[in-house]
mmCIF file of all heavy atoms, coordinates in Angstrom:
data_MODEL
# 
_entry.id   MODEL 
# 
loop_
_atom_site.group_PDB 
_atom_site.id 
_atom_site.type_symbol 
_atom_site.label_atom_id 
_atom_site.label_alt_id 
_atom_site.label_comp_id 
_atom_site.label_asym_id 
_atom_site.label_entity_id 
_atom_site.label_seq_id 
_atom_site.pdbx_PDB_ins_code 
_atom_site.Cartn_x 
_atom_site.Cartn_y 
_atom_site.Cartn_z 
_atom_site.occupancy 
_atom_site.B_iso_or_equiv 
_atom_site.pdbx_formal_charge 
_atom_site.auth_seq_id 
_atom_site.auth_comp_id 
_atom_site.auth_asym_id 
_atom_site.auth_atom_id 
_atom_site.pdbx_PDB_model_num 
ATOM 1   N N   . GLY A 1 1  ? -68.649 -15.310 103.277 1.00 0.00 ? 1  GLY A N   1 
ATOM 2   C CA  . GLY A 1 1  ? -69.432 -14.447 104.167 1.00 0.00 ? 1  GLY A CA  1 
ATOM 3   C C   . GLY A 1 1  ? -69.767 -13.074 103.652 1.00 0.00 ? 1  GLY A C   1 
ATOM 4   O O   . GLY A 1 1  ? -70.463 -12.323 104.337 1.00 0.00 ? 1  GLY A O   1 
ATOM 5   N N   . GLN A 1 2  ? -69.293 -12.694 102.448 1.00 0.00 ? 2  GLN A N   1 
ATOM 6   C CA  . GLN A 1 2  ? -69.511 -11.332 101.958 1.00 0.00 ? 2  GLN A CA  1 
ATOM 7   C C   . GLN A 1 2  ? -69.882 -11.347 100.475 1.00 0.00 ? 2  GLN A C   1 
ATOM 8   O O   . GLN A 1 2  ? -69.570 -12.292 99.764  1.00 0.00 ? 2  GLN A O   1 
ATOM 9   C CB  . GLN A 1 2  ? -68.221 -10.504 102.107 1.00 0.00 ? 2  GLN A CB  1 
ATOM 10  C CG  . GLN A 1 2  ? -67.613 -10.485 103.490 1.00 0.00 ? 2  GLN A CG  1 
ATOM 11  C CD  . GLN A 1 2  ? -66.235 -9.860  103.452 1.00 0.00 ? 2  GLN A CD  1 
ATOM 12  O OE1 . GLN A 1 2  ? -66.089 -8.638  103.418 1.00 0.00 ? 2  GLN A OE1 1 
ATOM 13  N NE2 . GLN A 1 2  ? -65.189 -10.692 103.436 1.00 0.00 ? 2  GLN A NE2 1 
ATOM 14  N N   . HIS A 1 3  ? -70.498 -10.273 100.023 1.00 0.00 ? 3  HIS A N   1 
ATOM 15  C CA  . HIS A 1 3  ? -70.697 -10.086 98.591  1.00 0.00 ? 3  HIS A CA  1 
ATOM 16  C C   . HIS A 1 3  ? -70.873 -8.600  98.283  1.00 0.00 ? 3  HIS A C   1 
ATOM 17  O O   . HIS A 1 3  ? -71.466 -7.860  99.068  1.00 0.00 ? 3  HIS A O   1 
ATOM 18  C CB  . HIS A 1 3  ? -71.886 -10.899 98.062  1.00 0.00 ? 3  HIS A CB  1 
ATOM 19  C CG  . HIS A 1 3  ? -73.205 -10.577 98.688  1.00 0.00 ? 3  HIS A CG  1 
ATOM 20  N ND1 . HIS A 1 3  ? -73.635 -11.151 99.863  1.00 0.00 ? 3  HIS A ND1 1 
ATOM 21  C CD2 . HIS A 1 3  ? -74.194 -9.734  98.291  1.00 0.00 ? 3  HIS A CD2 1 
ATOM 22  C CE1 . HIS A 1 3  ? -74.833 -10.699 100.166 1.00 0.00 ? 3  HIS A CE1 1 
ATOM 23  N NE2 . HIS A 1 3  ? -75.200 -9.836  99.228  1.00 0.00 ? 3  HIS A NE2 1 
ATOM 24  N N   . TYR A 1 4  ? -70.335 -8.181  97.118  1.00 0.00 ? 4  TYR A N   1 
ATOM 25  C CA  . TYR A 1 4  ? -70.355 -6.782  96.706  1.00 0.00 ? 4  TYR A CA  1 
ATOM 26  C C   . TYR A 1 4  ? -70.673 -6.696  95.225  1.00 0.00 ? 4  TYR A C   1 
ATOM 27  O O   . TYR A 1 4  ? -70.380 -7.612  94.448  1.00 0.00 ? 4  TYR A O   1 
ATOM 28  C CB  . TYR A 1 4  ? -69.003 -6.121  96.979  1.00 0.00 ? 4  TYR A CB  1 
ATOM 29  C CG  . TYR A 1 4  ? -68.601 -6.143  98.437  1.00 0.00 ? 4  TYR A CG  1 
ATOM 30  C CD1 . TYR A 1 4  ? -67.737 -7.124  98.931  1.00 0.00 ? 4  TYR A CD1 1 
ATOM 31  C CD2 . TYR A 1 4  ? -69.098 -5.188  99.326  1.00 0.00 ? 4  TYR A CD2 1 
ATOM 32  C CE1 . TYR A 1 4  ? -67.368 -7.152  100.267 1.00 0.00 ? 4  TYR A CE1 1 
ATOM 33  C CE2 . TYR A 1 4  ? -68.738 -5.207  100.667 1.00 0.00 ? 4  TYR A CE2 1 
ATOM 34  C CZ  . TYR A 1 4  ? -67.871 -6.191  101.127 1.00 0.00 ? 4  TYR A CZ  1 
ATOM 35  O OH  . TYR A 1 4  ? -67.511 -6.229  102.458 1.00 0.00 ? 4  TYR A OH  1 
ATOM 36  N N   . VAL A 1 5  ? -71.244 -5.556  94.832  1.00 0.00 ? 5  VAL A N   1 
ATOM 37  C CA  . VAL A 1 5  ? -71.590 -5.308  93.437  1.00 0.00 ? 5  VAL A CA  1 
ATOM 38  C C   . VAL A 1 5  ? -70.673 -4.222  92.879  1.00 0.00 ? 5  VAL A C   1 
ATOM 39  O O   . VAL A 1 5  ? -70.390 -3.217  93.548  1.00 0.00 ? 5  VAL A O   1 
ATOM 40  C CB  . VAL A 1 5  ? -73.064 -4.874  93.299  1.00 0.00 ? 5  VAL A CB  1 
ATOM 41  C CG1 . VAL A 1 5  ? -73.385 -4.518  91.844  1.00 0.00 ? 5  VAL A CG1 1 
ATOM 42  C CG2 . VAL A 1 5  ? -73.994 -5.982  93.788  1.00 0.00 ? 5  VAL A CG2 1 
ATOM 43  N N   . PHE A 1 6  ? -70.209 -4.422  91.641  1.00 0.00 ? 6  PHE A N   1 
ATOM 44  C CA  . PHE A 1 6  ? -69.362 -3.451  90.958  1.00 0.00 ? 6  PHE A CA  1 
ATOM 45  C C   . PHE A 1 6  ? -70.008 -3.095  89.620  1.00 0.00 ? 6  PHE A C   1 
ATOM 46  O O   . PHE A 1 6  ? -70.471 -3.960  88.883  1.00 0.00 ? 6  PHE A O   1 
ATOM 47  C CB  . PHE A 1 6  ? -67.965 -4.023  90.702  1.00 0.00 ? 6  PHE A CB  1 
ATOM 48  C CG  . PHE A 1 6  ? -67.179 -4.274  91.953  1.00 0.00 ? 6  PHE A CG  1 
ATOM 49  C CD1 . PHE A 1 6  ? -67.380 -5.424  92.703  1.00 0.00 ? 6  PHE A CD1 1 
ATOM 50  C CD2 . PHE A 1 6  ? -66.243 -3.349  92.380  1.00 0.00 ? 6  PHE A CD2 1 
ATOM 51  C CE1 . PHE A 1 6  ? -66.661 -5.651  93.863  1.00 0.00 ? 6  PHE A CE1 1 
ATOM 52  C CE2 . PHE A 1 6  ? -65.515 -3.568  93.541  1.00 0.00 ? 6  PHE A CE2 1 
ATOM 53  C CZ  . PHE A 1 6  ? -65.724 -4.720  94.288  1.00 0.00 ? 6  PHE A CZ  1 
ATOM 54  N N   . LYS A 1 7  ? -70.024 -1.795  89.320  1.00 0.00 ? 7  LYS A N   1 
ATOM 55  C CA  . LYS A 1 7  ? -70.498 -1.294  88.038  1.00 0.00 ? 7  LYS A CA  1 
ATOM 56  C C   . LYS A 1 7  ? -69.390 -0.451  87.418  1.00 0.00 ? 7  LYS A C   1 
ATOM 57  O O   . LYS A 1 7  ? -68.858 0.462   88.069  1.00 0.00 ? 7  LYS A O   1 
ATOM 58  C CB  . LYS A 1 7  ? -71.755 -0.440  88.230  1.00 0.00 ? 7  LYS A CB  1 
ATOM 59  C CG  . LYS A 1 7  ? -72.946 -1.179  88.831  1.00 0.00 ? 7  LYS A CG  1 
ATOM 60  C CD  . LYS A 1 7  ? -73.695 -1.989  87.798  1.00 0.00 ? 7  LYS A CD  1 
ATOM 61  C CE  . LYS A 1 7  ? -74.997 -2.547  88.403  1.00 0.00 ? 7  LYS A CE  1 
ATOM 62  N NZ  . LYS A 1 7  ? -75.848 -3.205  87.394  1.00 0.00 ? 7  LYS A NZ  1 
ATOM 63  N N   . GLU A 1 8  ? -69.023 -0.765  86.191  1.00 0.00 ? 8  GLU A N   1 
ATOM 64  C CA  . GLU A 1 8  ? -67.943 -0.080  85.493  1.00 0.00 ? 8  GLU A CA  1 
ATOM 65  C C   . GLU A 1 8  ? -66.684 -0.025  86.352  1.00 0.00 ? 8  GLU A C   1 
ATOM 66  O O   . GLU A 1 8  ? -65.964 0.982   86.407  1.00 0.00 ? 8  GLU A O   1 
ATOM 67  C CB  . GLU A 1 8  ? -68.391 1.339   85.085  1.00 0.00 ? 8  GLU A CB  1 
ATOM 68  C CG  . GLU A 1 8  ? -69.558 1.323   84.114  1.00 0.00 ? 8  GLU A CG  1 
ATOM 69  C CD  . GLU A 1 8  ? -70.007 2.704   83.711  1.00 0.00 ? 8  GLU A CD  1 
ATOM 70  O OE1 . GLU A 1 8  ? -69.499 3.687   84.308  1.00 0.00 ? 8  GLU A OE1 1 
ATOM 71  O OE2 . GLU A 1 8  ? -70.845 2.828   82.815  1.00 0.00 ? 8  GLU A OE2 1 
ATOM 72  N N   . GLY A 1 9  ? -66.434 -1.130  87.054  1.00 0.00 ? 9  GLY A N   1 
ATOM 73  C CA  . GLY A 1 9  ? -65.228 -1.267  87.849  1.00 0.00 ? 9  GLY A CA  1 
ATOM 74  C C   . GLY A 1 9  ? -65.278 -0.622  89.221  1.00 0.00 ? 9  GLY A C   1 
ATOM 75  O O   . GLY A 1 9  ? -64.317 -0.738  89.994  1.00 0.00 ? 9  GLY A O   1 
ATOM 76  N N   . GLU A 1 10 ? -66.373 0.057   89.569  1.00 0.00 ? 10 GLU A N   1 
ATOM 77  C CA  . GLU A 1 10 ? -66.497 0.733   90.855  1.00 0.00 ? 10 GLU A CA  1 
ATOM 78  C C   . GLU A 1 10 ? -67.500 0.015   91.750  1.00 0.00 ? 10 GLU A C   1 
ATOM 79  O O   . GLU A 1 10 ? -68.571 -0.400  91.292  1.00 0.00 ? 10 GLU A O   1 
ATOM 80  C CB  . GLU A 1 10 ? -66.956 2.182   90.651  1.00 0.00 ? 10 GLU A CB  1 
ATOM 81  C CG  . GLU A 1 10 ? -66.036 3.023   89.789  1.00 0.00 ? 10 GLU A CG  1 
ATOM 82  C CD  . GLU A 1 10 ? -64.710 3.308   90.467  1.00 0.00 ? 10 GLU A CD  1 
ATOM 83  O OE1 . GLU A 1 10 ? -64.692 3.402   91.712  1.00 0.00 ? 10 GLU A OE1 1 
ATOM 84  O OE2 . GLU A 1 10 ? -63.691 3.428   89.753  1.00 0.00 ? 10 GLU A OE2 1 
ATOM 85  N N   . MET A 1 11 ? -67.147 -0.120  93.048  1.00 0.00 ? 11 MET A N   1 
ATOM 86  C CA  . MET A 1 11 ? -68.082 -0.707  93.999  1.00 0.00 ? 11 MET A CA  1 
ATOM 87  C C   . MET A 1 11 ? -69.272 0.229   94.183  1.00 0.00 ? 11 MET A C   1 
ATOM 88  O O   . MET A 1 11 ? -69.102 1.443   94.346  1.00 0.00 ? 11 MET A O   1 
ATOM 89  C CB  . MET A 1 11 ? -67.405 -0.954  95.339  1.00 0.00 ? 11 MET A CB  1 
ATOM 90  C CG  . MET A 1 11 ? -68.304 -1.651  96.359  1.00 0.00 ? 11 MET A CG  1 
ATOM 91  S SD  . MET A 1 11 ? -67.543 -1.832  97.993  1.00 0.00 ? 11 MET A SD  1 
ATOM 92  C CE  . MET A 1 11 ? -66.303 -3.081  97.634  1.00 0.00 ? 11 MET A CE  1 
ATOM 93  N N   . VAL A 1 12 ? -70.482 -0.314  94.141  1.00 0.00 ? 12 VAL A N   1 
ATOM 94  C CA  . VAL A 1 12 ? -71.688 0.508   94.253  1.00 0.00 ? 12 VAL A CA  1 
ATOM 95  C C   . VAL A 1 12 ? -72.605 -0.027  95.347  1.00 0.00 ? 12 VAL A C   1 
ATOM 96  O O   . VAL A 1 12 ? -72.569 -1.210  95.689  1.00 0.00 ? 12 VAL A O   1 
ATOM 97  C CB  . VAL A 1 12 ? -72.464 0.547   92.914  1.00 0.00 ? 12 VAL A CB  1 
ATOM 98  C CG1 . VAL A 1 12 ? -71.604 1.145   91.813  1.00 0.00 ? 12 VAL A CG1 1 
ATOM 99  C CG2 . VAL A 1 12 ? -72.934 -0.856  92.513  1.00 0.00 ? 12 VAL A CG2 1 
ATOM 100 N N   . ASP A 1 13 ? -73.426 0.866   95.892  1.00 0.00 ? 13 ASP A N   1 
ATOM 101 C CA  . ASP A 1 13 ? -74.475 0.448   96.815  1.00 0.00 ? 13 ASP A CA  1 
ATOM 102 C C   . ASP A 1 13 ? -75.594 -0.209  96.014  1.00 0.00 ? 13 ASP A C   1 
ATOM 103 O O   . ASP A 1 13 ? -75.799 0.097   94.829  1.00 0.00 ? 13 ASP A O   1 
ATOM 104 C CB  . ASP A 1 13 ? -75.019 1.657   97.576  1.00 0.00 ? 13 ASP A CB  1 
ATOM 105 C CG  . ASP A 1 13 ? -73.989 2.274   98.507  1.00 0.00 ? 13 ASP A CG  1 
ATOM 106 O OD1 . ASP A 1 13 ? -73.177 1.509   99.070  1.00 0.00 ? 13 ASP A OD1 1 
ATOM 107 O OD2 . ASP A 1 13 ? -73.989 3.512   98.647  1.00 0.00 ? 13 ASP A OD2 1 
ATOM 108 N N   . PHE A 1 14 ? -76.328 -1.098  96.652  1.00 0.00 ? 14 PHE A N   1 
ATOM 109 C CA  . PHE A 1 14 ? -77.443 -1.739  95.958  1.00 0.00 ? 14 PHE A CA  1 
ATOM 110 C C   . PHE A 1 14 ? -78.518 -2.115  96.970  1.00 0.00 ? 14 PHE A C   1 
ATOM 111 O O   . PHE A 1 14 ? -78.249 -2.257  98.171  1.00 0.00 ? 14 PHE A O   1 
ATOM 112 C CB  . PHE A 1 14 ? -76.981 -2.991  95.200  1.00 0.00 ? 14 PHE A CB  1 
ATOM 113 C CG  . PHE A 1 14 ? -76.440 -4.092  96.084  1.00 0.00 ? 14 PHE A CG  1 
ATOM 114 C CD1 . PHE A 1 14 ? -77.262 -5.127  96.524  1.00 0.00 ? 14 PHE A CD1 1 
ATOM 115 C CD2 . PHE A 1 14 ? -75.115 -4.088  96.485  1.00 0.00 ? 14 PHE A CD2 1 
ATOM 116 C CE1 . PHE A 1 14 ? -76.768 -6.135  97.344  1.00 0.00 ? 14 PHE A CE1 1 
ATOM 117 C CE2 . PHE A 1 14 ? -74.610 -5.090  97.297  1.00 0.00 ? 14 PHE A CE2 1 
ATOM 118 C CZ  . PHE A 1 14 ? -75.429 -6.116  97.729  1.00 0.00 ? 14 PHE A CZ  1 
ATOM 119 N N   . THR A 1 15 ? -79.719 -2.253  96.491  1.00 0.00 ? 15 THR A N   1 
ATOM 120 C CA  . THR A 1 15 ? -80.837 -2.695  97.319  1.00 0.00 ? 15 THR A CA  1 
ATOM 121 C C   . THR A 1 15 ? -81.008 -4.194  97.131  1.00 0.00 ? 15 THR A C   1 
ATOM 122 O O   . THR A 1 15 ? -81.266 -4.648  96.006  1.00 0.00 ? 15 THR A O   1 
ATOM 123 C CB  . THR A 1 15 ? -82.136 -1.980  96.925  1.00 0.00 ? 15 THR A CB  1 
ATOM 124 O OG1 . THR A 1 15 ? -81.949 -0.576  97.083  1.00 0.00 ? 15 THR A OG1 1 
ATOM 125 C CG2 . THR A 1 15 ? -83.292 -2.451  97.807  1.00 0.00 ? 15 THR A CG2 1 
ATOM 126 N N   . PRO A 1 16 ? -80.825 -4.984  98.177  1.00 0.00 ? 16 PRO A N   1 
ATOM 127 C CA  . PRO A 1 16 ? -80.969 -6.433  98.024  1.00 0.00 ? 16 PRO A CA  1 
ATOM 128 C C   . PRO A 1 16 ? -82.371 -6.796  97.543  1.00 0.00 ? 16 PRO A C   1 
ATOM 129 O O   . PRO A 1 16 ? -83.350 -6.161  97.931  1.00 0.00 ? 16 PRO A O   1 
ATOM 130 C CB  . PRO A 1 16 ? -80.724 -6.964  99.440  1.00 0.00 ? 16 PRO A CB  1 
ATOM 131 C CG  . PRO A 1 16 ? -79.970 -5.880  100.135 1.00 0.00 ? 16 PRO A CG  1 
ATOM 132 C CD  . PRO A 1 16 ? -80.480 -4.598  99.556  1.00 0.00 ? 16 PRO A CD  1 
ATOM 133 N N   . PRO A 1 17 ? -82.477 -7.778  96.685  1.00 0.00 ? 17 PRO A N   1 
ATOM 134 C CA  . PRO A 1 17 ? -83.807 -8.222  96.248  1.00 0.00 ? 17 PRO A CA  1 
ATOM 135 C C   . PRO A 1 17 ? -84.550 -8.899  97.390  1.00 0.00 ? 17 PRO A C   1 
ATOM 136 O O   . PRO A 1 17 ? -83.971 -9.212  98.438  1.00 0.00 ? 17 PRO A O   1 
ATOM 137 C CB  . PRO A 1 17 ? -83.493 -9.216  95.131  1.00 0.00 ? 17 PRO A CB  1 
ATOM 138 C CG  . PRO A 1 17 ? -82.138 -9.738  95.472  1.00 0.00 ? 17 PRO A CG  1 
ATOM 139 C CD  . PRO A 1 17 ? -81.402 -8.595  96.105  1.00 0.00 ? 17 PRO A CD  1 
ATOM 140 N N   . GLU A 1 18 ? -85.817 -9.146  97.167  1.00 0.00 ? 18 GLU A N   1 
ATOM 141 C CA  . GLU A 1 18 ? -86.625 -9.859  98.159  1.00 0.00 ? 18 GLU A CA  1 
ATOM 142 C C   . GLU A 1 18 ? -86.027 -11.242 98.408  1.00 0.00 ? 18 GLU A C   1 
ATOM 143 O O   . GLU A 1 18 ? -85.581 -11.922 97.486  1.00 0.00 ? 18 GLU A O   1 
ATOM 144 C CB  . GLU A 1 18 ? -88.056 -10.005 97.651  1.00 0.00 ? 18 GLU A CB  1 
ATOM 145 C CG  . GLU A 1 18 ? -88.973 -10.761 98.586  1.00 0.00 ? 18 GLU A CG  1 
ATOM 146 C CD  . GLU A 1 18 ? -90.367 -10.976 98.013  1.00 0.00 ? 18 GLU A CD  1 
ATOM 147 O OE1 . GLU A 1 18 ? -90.608 -10.469 96.898  1.00 0.00 ? 18 GLU A OE1 1 
ATOM 148 O OE2 . GLU A 1 18 ? -91.178 -11.655 98.661  1.00 0.00 ? 18 GLU A OE2 1 
ATOM 149 N N   . GLN A 1 19 ? -86.023 -11.657 99.669  1.00 0.00 ? 19 GLN A N   1 
ATOM 150 C CA  . GLN A 1 19 ? -85.506 -12.971 100.008 1.00 0.00 ? 19 GLN A CA  1 
ATOM 151 C C   . GLN A 1 19 ? -86.531 -14.036 99.626  1.00 0.00 ? 19 GLN A C   1 
ATOM 152 O O   . GLN A 1 19 ? -87.646 -14.052 100.137 1.00 0.00 ? 19 GLN A O   1 
ATOM 153 C CB  . GLN A 1 19 ? -85.184 -13.054 101.497 1.00 0.00 ? 19 GLN A CB  1 
ATOM 154 C CG  . GLN A 1 19 ? -84.026 -12.158 101.903 1.00 0.00 ? 19 GLN A CG  1 
ATOM 155 C CD  . GLN A 1 19 ? -83.606 -12.346 103.353 1.00 0.00 ? 19 GLN A CD  1 
ATOM 156 O OE1 . GLN A 1 19 ? -84.011 -13.297 104.008 1.00 0.00 ? 19 GLN A OE1 1 
ATOM 157 N NE2 . GLN A 1 19 ? -82.781 -11.436 103.854 1.00 0.00 ? 19 GLN A NE2 1 
ATOM 158 N N   . THR A 1 20 ? -86.141 -14.891 98.716  1.00 0.00 ? 20 THR A N   1 
ATOM 159 C CA  . THR A 1 20 ? -87.041 -15.947 98.229  1.00 0.00 ? 20 THR A CA  1 
ATOM 160 C C   . THR A 1 20 ? -86.571 -17.340 98.621  1.00 0.00 ? 20 THR A C   1 
ATOM 161 O O   . THR A 1 20 ? -87.340 -18.297 98.531  1.00 0.00 ? 20 THR A O   1 
ATOM 162 C CB  . THR A 1 20 ? -87.163 -15.874 96.701  1.00 0.00 ? 20 THR A CB  1 
ATOM 163 O OG1 . THR A 1 20 ? -85.848 -15.931 96.127  1.00 0.00 ? 20 THR A OG1 1 
ATOM 164 C CG2 . THR A 1 20 ? -87.851 -14.581 96.263  1.00 0.00 ? 20 THR A CG2 1 
ATOM 165 N N   . ILE A 1 21 ? -85.304 -17.461 99.009  1.00 0.00 ? 21 ILE A N   1 
ATOM 166 C CA  . ILE A 1 21 ? -84.765 -18.763 99.411  1.00 0.00 ? 21 ILE A CA  1 
ATOM 167 C C   . ILE A 1 21 ? -84.804 -18.843 100.932 1.00 0.00 ? 21 ILE A C   1 
ATOM 168 O O   . ILE A 1 21 ? -84.158 -18.047 101.614 1.00 0.00 ? 21 ILE A O   1 
ATOM 169 C CB  . ILE A 1 21 ? -83.326 -18.958 98.919  1.00 0.00 ? 21 ILE A CB  1 
ATOM 170 C CG1 . ILE A 1 21 ? -83.249 -18.767 97.402  1.00 0.00 ? 21 ILE A CG1 1 
ATOM 171 C CG2 . ILE A 1 21 ? -82.812 -20.348 99.307  1.00 0.00 ? 21 ILE A CG2 1 
ATOM 172 C CD1 . ILE A 1 21 ? -81.836 -18.835 96.846  1.00 0.00 ? 21 ILE A CD1 1 
ATOM 173 N N   . PRO A 1 22 ? -85.552 -19.763 101.499 1.00 0.00 ? 22 PRO A N   1 
ATOM 174 C CA  . PRO A 1 22 ? -85.671 -19.846 102.957 1.00 0.00 ? 22 PRO A CA  1 
ATOM 175 C C   . PRO A 1 22 ? -84.326 -20.114 103.621 1.00 0.00 ? 22 PRO A C   1 
ATOM 176 O O   . PRO A 1 22 ? -83.449 -20.759 103.049 1.00 0.00 ? 22 PRO A O   1 
ATOM 177 C CB  . PRO A 1 22 ? -86.633 -21.025 103.177 1.00 0.00 ? 22 PRO A CB  1 
ATOM 178 C CG  . PRO A 1 22 ? -87.276 -21.268 101.860 1.00 0.00 ? 22 PRO A CG  1 
ATOM 179 C CD  . PRO A 1 22 ? -86.311 -20.823 100.818 1.00 0.00 ? 22 PRO A CD  1 
ATOM 180 N N   . ASP A 1 23 ? -84.169 -19.611 104.835 1.00 0.00 ? 23 ASP A N   1 
ATOM 181 C CA  . ASP A 1 23 ? -82.986 -19.941 105.608 1.00 0.00 ? 23 ASP A CA  1 
ATOM 182 C C   . ASP A 1 23 ? -82.959 -21.441 105.873 1.00 0.00 ? 23 ASP A C   1 
ATOM 183 O O   . ASP A 1 23 ? -84.002 -22.075 106.041 1.00 0.00 ? 23 ASP A O   1 
ATOM 184 C CB  . ASP A 1 23 ? -82.979 -19.190 106.940 1.00 0.00 ? 23 ASP A CB  1 
ATOM 185 C CG  . ASP A 1 23 ? -82.780 -17.696 106.767 1.00 0.00 ? 23 ASP A CG  1 
ATOM 186 O OD1 . ASP A 1 23 ? -82.388 -17.271 105.661 1.00 0.00 ? 23 ASP A OD1 1 
ATOM 187 O OD2 . ASP A 1 23 ? -83.026 -16.952 107.739 1.00 0.00 ? 23 ASP A OD2 1 
ATOM 188 N N   . SER A 1 24 ? -81.756 -21.989 105.923 1.00 0.00 ? 24 SER A N   1 
ATOM 189 C CA  . SER A 1 24 ? -81.604 -23.424 106.189 1.00 0.00 ? 24 SER A CA  1 
ATOM 190 C C   . SER A 1 24 ? -81.764 -23.716 107.672 1.00 0.00 ? 24 SER A C   1 
ATOM 191 O O   . SER A 1 24 ? -81.371 -22.905 108.524 1.00 0.00 ? 24 SER A O   1 
ATOM 192 C CB  . SER A 1 24 ? -80.228 -23.901 105.719 1.00 0.00 ? 24 SER A CB  1 
ATOM 193 O OG  . SER A 1 24 ? -80.003 -25.246 106.080 1.00 0.00 ? 24 SER A OG  1 
ATOM 194 N N   . ILE A 1 25 ? -82.308 -24.868 107.981 1.00 0.00 ? 25 ILE A N   1 
ATOM 195 C CA  . ILE A 1 25 ? -82.370 -25.315 109.373 1.00 0.00 ? 25 ILE A CA  1 
ATOM 196 C C   . ILE A 1 25 ? -81.043 -25.933 109.799 1.00 0.00 ? 25 ILE A C   1 
ATOM 197 O O   . ILE A 1 25 ? -80.883 -26.349 110.942 1.00 0.00 ? 25 ILE A O   1 
ATOM 198 C CB  . ILE A 1 25 ? -83.520 -26.328 109.590 1.00 0.00 ? 25 ILE A CB  1 
ATOM 199 C CG1 . ILE A 1 25 ? -83.306 -27.578 108.714 1.00 0.00 ? 25 ILE A CG1 1 
ATOM 200 C CG2 . ILE A 1 25 ? -84.864 -25.685 109.316 1.00 0.00 ? 25 ILE A CG2 1 
ATOM 201 C CD1 . ILE A 1 25 ? -84.309 -28.686 108.973 1.00 0.00 ? 25 ILE A CD1 1 
ATOM 202 N N   . GLY A 1 26 ? -80.097 -25.975 108.875 1.00 0.00 ? 26 GLY A N   1 
ATOM 203 C CA  . GLY A 1 26 ? -78.799 -26.596 109.122 1.00 0.00 ? 26 GLY A CA  1 
ATOM 204 C C   . GLY A 1 26 ? -78.569 -27.711 108.128 1.00 0.00 ? 26 GLY A C   1 
ATOM 205 O O   . GLY A 1 26 ? -79.499 -28.448 107.774 1.00 0.00 ? 26 GLY A O   1 
ATOM 206 N N   . HIS A 1 27 ? -77.352 -27.843 107.638 1.00 0.00 ? 27 HIS A N   1 
ATOM 207 C CA  . HIS A 1 27 ? -77.064 -28.777 106.558 1.00 0.00 ? 27 HIS A CA  1 
ATOM 208 C C   . HIS A 1 27 ? -77.358 -30.222 106.962 1.00 0.00 ? 27 HIS A C   1 
ATOM 209 O O   . HIS A 1 27 ? -77.953 -30.985 106.194 1.00 0.00 ? 27 HIS A O   1 
ATOM 210 C CB  . HIS A 1 27 ? -75.602 -28.630 106.146 1.00 0.00 ? 27 HIS A CB  1 
ATOM 211 C CG  . HIS A 1 27 ? -75.312 -29.122 104.765 1.00 0.00 ? 27 HIS A CG  1 
ATOM 212 N ND1 . HIS A 1 27 ? -75.896 -28.575 103.642 1.00 0.00 ? 27 HIS A ND1 1 
ATOM 213 C CD2 . HIS A 1 27 ? -74.493 -30.101 104.313 1.00 0.00 ? 27 HIS A CD2 1 
ATOM 214 C CE1 . HIS A 1 27 ? -75.454 -29.201 102.569 1.00 0.00 ? 27 HIS A CE1 1 
ATOM 215 N NE2 . HIS A 1 27 ? -74.595 -30.130 102.944 1.00 0.00 ? 27 HIS A NE2 1 
ATOM 216 N N   . HIS A 1 28 ? -76.956 -30.604 108.160 1.00 0.00 ? 28 HIS A N   1 
ATOM 217 C CA  . HIS A 1 28 ? -77.243 -31.960 108.637 1.00 0.00 ? 28 HIS A CA  1 
ATOM 218 C C   . HIS A 1 28 ? -78.728 -32.116 108.962 1.00 0.00 ? 28 HIS A C   1 
ATOM 219 O O   . HIS A 1 28 ? -79.333 -33.158 108.656 1.00 0.00 ? 28 HIS A O   1 
ATOM 220 C CB  . HIS A 1 28 ? -76.411 -32.286 109.876 1.00 0.00 ? 28 HIS A CB  1 
ATOM 221 C CG  . HIS A 1 28 ? -74.935 -32.254 109.647 1.00 0.00 ? 28 HIS A CG  1 
ATOM 222 N ND1 . HIS A 1 28 ? -74.179 -31.105 109.814 1.00 0.00 ? 28 HIS A ND1 1 
ATOM 223 C CD2 . HIS A 1 28 ? -74.063 -33.222 109.249 1.00 0.00 ? 28 HIS A CD2 1 
ATOM 224 C CE1 . HIS A 1 28 ? -72.922 -31.375 109.536 1.00 0.00 ? 28 HIS A CE1 1 
ATOM 225 N NE2 . HIS A 1 28 ? -72.811 -32.640 109.193 1.00 0.00 ? 28 HIS A NE2 1 
ATOM 226 N N   . GLN A 1 29 ? -79.314 -31.084 109.555 1.00 0.00 ? 29 GLN A N   1 
ATOM 227 C CA  . GLN A 1 29 ? -80.715 -31.167 109.935 1.00 0.00 ? 29 GLN A CA  1 
ATOM 228 C C   . GLN A 1 29 ? -81.640 -31.253 108.721 1.00 0.00 ? 29 GLN A C   1 
ATOM 229 O O   . GLN A 1 29 ? -82.689 -31.889 108.781 1.00 0.00 ? 29 GLN A O   1 
ATOM 230 C CB  . GLN A 1 29 ? -81.097 -29.976 110.815 1.00 0.00 ? 29 GLN A CB  1 
ATOM 231 C CG  . GLN A 1 29 ? -80.473 -30.012 112.199 1.00 0.00 ? 29 GLN A CG  1 
ATOM 232 C CD  . GLN A 1 29 ? -80.854 -31.264 112.971 1.00 0.00 ? 29 GLN A CD  1 
ATOM 233 O OE1 . GLN A 1 29 ? -82.026 -31.656 113.008 1.00 0.00 ? 29 GLN A OE1 1 
ATOM 234 N NE2 . GLN A 1 29 ? -79.868 -31.909 113.589 1.00 0.00 ? 29 GLN A NE2 1 
# 
């Protein structure tokens, strides 16, 4: 449920890239 970016061992803020992978309608669906 989470993800973080580290640079030179330190947690940094980042700008998420454009969303290119569509949300799923559900794994079974």
